[in-house]
Amino acid sequence: MSYDRYKKFRINEKILTVPFIPIRQNDSDLFINFKRNFNRLDLISYDYYGDASYGWLILQANPDYGTNEFNIPNNVVIRIPYPLNAVILNYEQDIDNYIKYYGLNE
């Protein structure tokens, strides 16, 4: 089952603004050459995680390209956070720290 990145920001059926949480870089991360019009983040996610729903995580690990995969230039190297379980665990900890220090923005 896919990770629900909105669960800690869902209050009374309303989804609050989800802040940008940087994805920590690890020695185990993978890097690929992105080919525009050939690669898609959902397909990359499926290839490396076995689940097509983690394109957001790959995009978040490559913040230089904004919030849309169509902004990723052709032939650039992108980082794939790996392994998924460790990345999600770190992401959860970073969300908890964010909420602890900044609270939830409604």
C-alpha atoms as a PDB file:
ATOM      1  CA  MET A   1       0.000   0.000   0.000  1.00  0.00           C
ATOM      2  CA  SER A   2       1.262   3.466  -0.879  1.00  0.00           C
ATOM      3  CA  TYR A   3       2.337   5.998   1.697  1.00  0.00           C
ATOM      4  CA  ASP A   4      -0.203   8.725   2.508  1.00  0.00           C
ATOM      5  CA  ARG A   5       1.886  11.887   2.617  1.00  0.00           C
ATOM      6  CA  TYR A   6      -1.186  13.919   3.598  1.00  0.00           C
ATOM      7  CA  LYS A   7      -2.201  11.938   6.710  1.00  0.00           C
ATOM      8  CA  LYS A   8      -0.561  14.273   9.243  1.00  0.00           C
ATOM      9  CA  PHE A   9      -1.988  17.302   7.443  1.00  0.00           C
ATOM     10  CA  ARG A  10      -5.576  16.045   7.220  1.00  0.00           C
ATOM     11  CA  ILE A  11      -7.823  17.543   9.894  1.00  0.00           C
ATOM     12  CA  ASN A  12     -11.582  17.004   9.881  1.00  0.00           C
ATOM     13  CA  GLU A  13     -11.593  15.926   6.241  1.00  0.00           C
ATOM     14  CA  LYS A  14      -9.636  19.058   5.250  1.00  0.00           C
ATOM     15  CA  ILE A  15      -6.090  18.824   3.917  1.00  0.00           C
ATOM     16  CA  LEU A  16      -3.880  21.618   5.200  1.00  0.00           C
ATOM     17  CA  THR A  17      -0.970  23.036   3.256  1.00  0.00           C
ATOM     18  CA  VAL A  18       1.792  20.454   3.143  1.00  0.00           C
ATOM     19  CA  PRO A  19       5.153  22.174   3.630  1.00  0.00           C
ATOM     20  CA  PHE A  20       8.189  21.390   1.554  1.00  0.00           C
ATOM     21  CA  ILE A  21      10.235  18.901   3.561  1.00  0.00           C
ATOM     22  CA  PRO A  22      13.676  18.318   2.011  1.00  0.00           C
ATOM     23  CA  ILE A  23      14.513  14.682   1.328  1.00  0.00           C
ATOM     24  CA  ARG A  24      17.764  13.811   3.062  1.00  0.00           C
ATOM     25  CA  GLN A  25      20.558  12.648   0.799  1.00  0.00           C
ATOM     26  CA  ASN A  26      22.012   9.212   1.581  1.00  0.00           C
ATOM     27  CA  ASP A  27      24.976   7.255   0.260  1.00  0.00           C
ATOM     28  CA  SER A  28      22.488   4.621  -0.866  1.00  0.00           C
ATOM     29  CA  ASP A  29      20.611   7.026  -3.182  1.00  0.00           C
ATOM     30  CA  LEU A  30      20.544   6.215  -6.868  1.00  0.00           C
ATOM     31  CA  PHE A  31      21.118   8.564  -9.779  1.00  0.00           C
ATOM     32  CA  ILE A  32      19.807   8.314 -13.322  1.00  0.00           C
ATOM     33  CA  ASN A  33      20.036  10.372 -16.470  1.00  0.00           C
ATOM     34  CA  PHE A  34      16.549  11.822 -17.095  1.00  0.00           C
ATOM     35  CA  LYS A  35      15.396  11.593 -20.702  1.00  0.00           C
ATOM     36  CA  ARG A  36      12.562  14.009 -21.431  1.00  0.00           C
ATOM     37  CA  ASN A  37       9.736  12.447 -23.471  1.00  0.00           C
ATOM     38  CA  PHE A  38      11.009   9.005 -22.447  1.00  0.00           C
ATOM     39  CA  ASN A  39      11.090   9.016 -18.651  1.00  0.00           C
ATOM     40  CA  ARG A  40       8.138   9.755 -16.403  1.00  0.00           C
ATOM     41  CA  LEU A  41       8.338   9.984 -12.639  1.00  0.00           C
ATOM     42  CA  ASP A  42       5.551   7.456 -12.127  1.00  0.00           C
ATOM     43  CA  LEU A  43       7.428   4.931 -14.267  1.00  0.00           C
ATOM     44  CA  ILE A  44      10.731   5.652 -12.542  1.00  0.00           C
ATOM     45  CA  SER A  45       8.965   5.246  -9.201  1.00  0.00           C
ATOM     46  CA  TYR A  46       7.576   1.896 -10.306  1.00  0.00           C
ATOM     47  CA  ASP A  47      10.952   0.712 -11.590  1.00  0.00           C
ATOM     48  CA  TYR A  48      12.822   1.509  -8.367  1.00  0.00           C
ATOM     49  CA  TYR A  49      10.122   1.191  -5.690  1.00  0.00           C
ATOM     50  CA  GLY A  50       7.655  -1.258  -7.231  1.00  0.00           C
ATOM     51  CA  ASP A  51       4.951   1.401  -6.819  1.00  0.00           C
ATOM     52  CA  ALA A  52       4.116   4.152  -9.298  1.00  0.00           C
ATOM     53  CA  SER A  53       2.849   6.572  -6.659  1.00  0.00           C
ATOM     54  CA  TYR A  54       6.209   7.912  -5.426  1.00  0.00           C
ATOM     55  CA  GLY A  55       6.961  10.318  -8.251  1.00  0.00           C
ATOM     56  CA  TRP A  56       6.353  13.146  -5.750  1.00  0.00           C
ATOM     57  CA  LEU A  57       9.197  11.793  -3.605  1.00  0.00           C
ATOM     58  CA  ILE A  58      11.641  11.763  -6.516  1.00  0.00           C
ATOM     59  CA  LEU A  59      10.583  15.269  -7.487  1.00  0.00           C
ATOM     60  CA  GLN A  60      10.950  16.451  -3.893  1.00  0.00           C
ATOM     61  CA  ALA A  61      14.467  14.995  -3.805  1.00  0.00           C
ATOM     62  CA  ASN A  62      15.308  17.167  -6.820  1.00  0.00           C
ATOM     63  CA  PRO A  63      14.035  20.601  -5.731  1.00  0.00           C
ATOM     64  CA  ASP A  64      16.003  22.487  -8.385  1.00  0.00           C
ATOM     65  CA  TYR A  65      13.293  21.481 -10.858  1.00  0.00           C
ATOM     66  CA  GLY A  66      10.309  22.842  -8.943  1.00  0.00           C
ATOM     67  CA  THR A  67       7.059  21.015  -8.409  1.00  0.00           C
ATOM     68  CA  ASN A  68       6.406  19.687 -11.887  1.00  0.00           C
ATOM     69  CA  GLU A  69       8.216  16.924 -13.731  1.00  0.00           C
ATOM     70  CA  PHE A  70       7.811  18.876 -16.966  1.00  0.00           C
ATOM     71  CA  ASN A  71      10.361  21.336 -15.577  1.00  0.00           C
ATOM     72  CA  ILE A  72      13.076  18.680 -15.471  1.00  0.00           C
ATOM     73  CA  PRO A  73      15.479  19.397 -18.331  1.00  0.00           C
ATOM     74  CA  ASN A  74      16.509  16.721 -20.768  1.00  0.00           C
ATOM     75  CA  ASN A  75      19.679  14.765 -19.968  1.00  0.00           C
ATOM     76  CA  VAL A  76      20.120  15.927 -16.374  1.00  0.00           C
ATOM     77  CA  VAL A  77      21.009  13.552 -13.579  1.00  0.00           C
ATOM     78  CA  ILE A  78      18.245  13.176 -11.014  1.00  0.00           C
ATOM     79  CA  ARG A  79      18.462  11.617  -7.581  1.00  0.00           C
ATOM     80  CA  ILE A  80      16.252   8.721  -6.568  1.00  0.00           C
ATOM     81  CA  PRO A  81      16.104   8.468  -2.768  1.00  0.00           C
ATOM     82  CA  TYR A  82      16.817   4.865  -1.847  1.00  0.00           C
ATOM     83  CA  PRO A  83      15.888   2.549  -0.185  1.00  0.00           C
ATOM     84  CA  LEU A  84      12.247   3.562   0.059  1.00  0.00           C
ATOM     85  CA  ASN A  85      11.546   2.330   3.605  1.00  0.00           C
ATOM     86  CA  ALA A  86      14.452   4.309   5.070  1.00  0.00           C
ATOM     87  CA  VAL A  87      13.515   7.405   3.063  1.00  0.00           C
ATOM     88  CA  ILE A  88       9.904   7.282   4.272  1.00  0.00           C
ATOM     89  CA  LEU A  89      11.052   6.800   7.867  1.00  0.00           C
ATOM     90  CA  ASN A  90      13.342   9.858   7.626  1.00  0.00           C
ATOM     91  CA  TYR A  91      10.581  11.852   5.924  1.00  0.00           C
ATOM     92  CA  GLU A  92       8.147  10.982   8.739  1.00  0.00           C
ATOM     93  CA  GLN A  93      10.697  12.106  11.342  1.00  0.00           C
ATOM     94  CA  ASP A  94      11.250  15.358   9.471  1.00  0.00           C
ATOM     95  CA  ILE A  95       7.486  15.975   9.292  1.00  0.00           C
ATOM     96  CA  ASP A  96       7.181  15.351  13.041  1.00  0.00           C
ATOM     97  CA  ASN A  97      10.017  17.803  13.694  1.00  0.00           C
ATOM     98  CA  TYR A  98       8.412  20.376  11.413  1.00  0.00           C
ATOM     99  CA  ILE A  99       5.075  20.085  13.218  1.00  0.00           C
ATOM    100  CA  LYS A 100       6.816  20.237  16.595  1.00  0.00           C
ATOM    101  CA  TYR A 101       8.615  23.477  15.732  1.00  0.00           C
ATOM    102  CA  TYR A 102       6.158  25.222  13.422  1.00  0.00           C
ATOM    103  CA  GLY A 103       2.782  23.632  14.085  1.00  0.00           C
ATOM    104  CA  LEU A 104       0.158  23.067  11.417  1.00  0.00           C
ATOM    105  CA  ASN A 105      -0.845  25.886   9.095  1.00  0.00           C
ATOM    106  CA  GLU A 106      -4.585  26.035   8.585  1.00  0.00           C
END
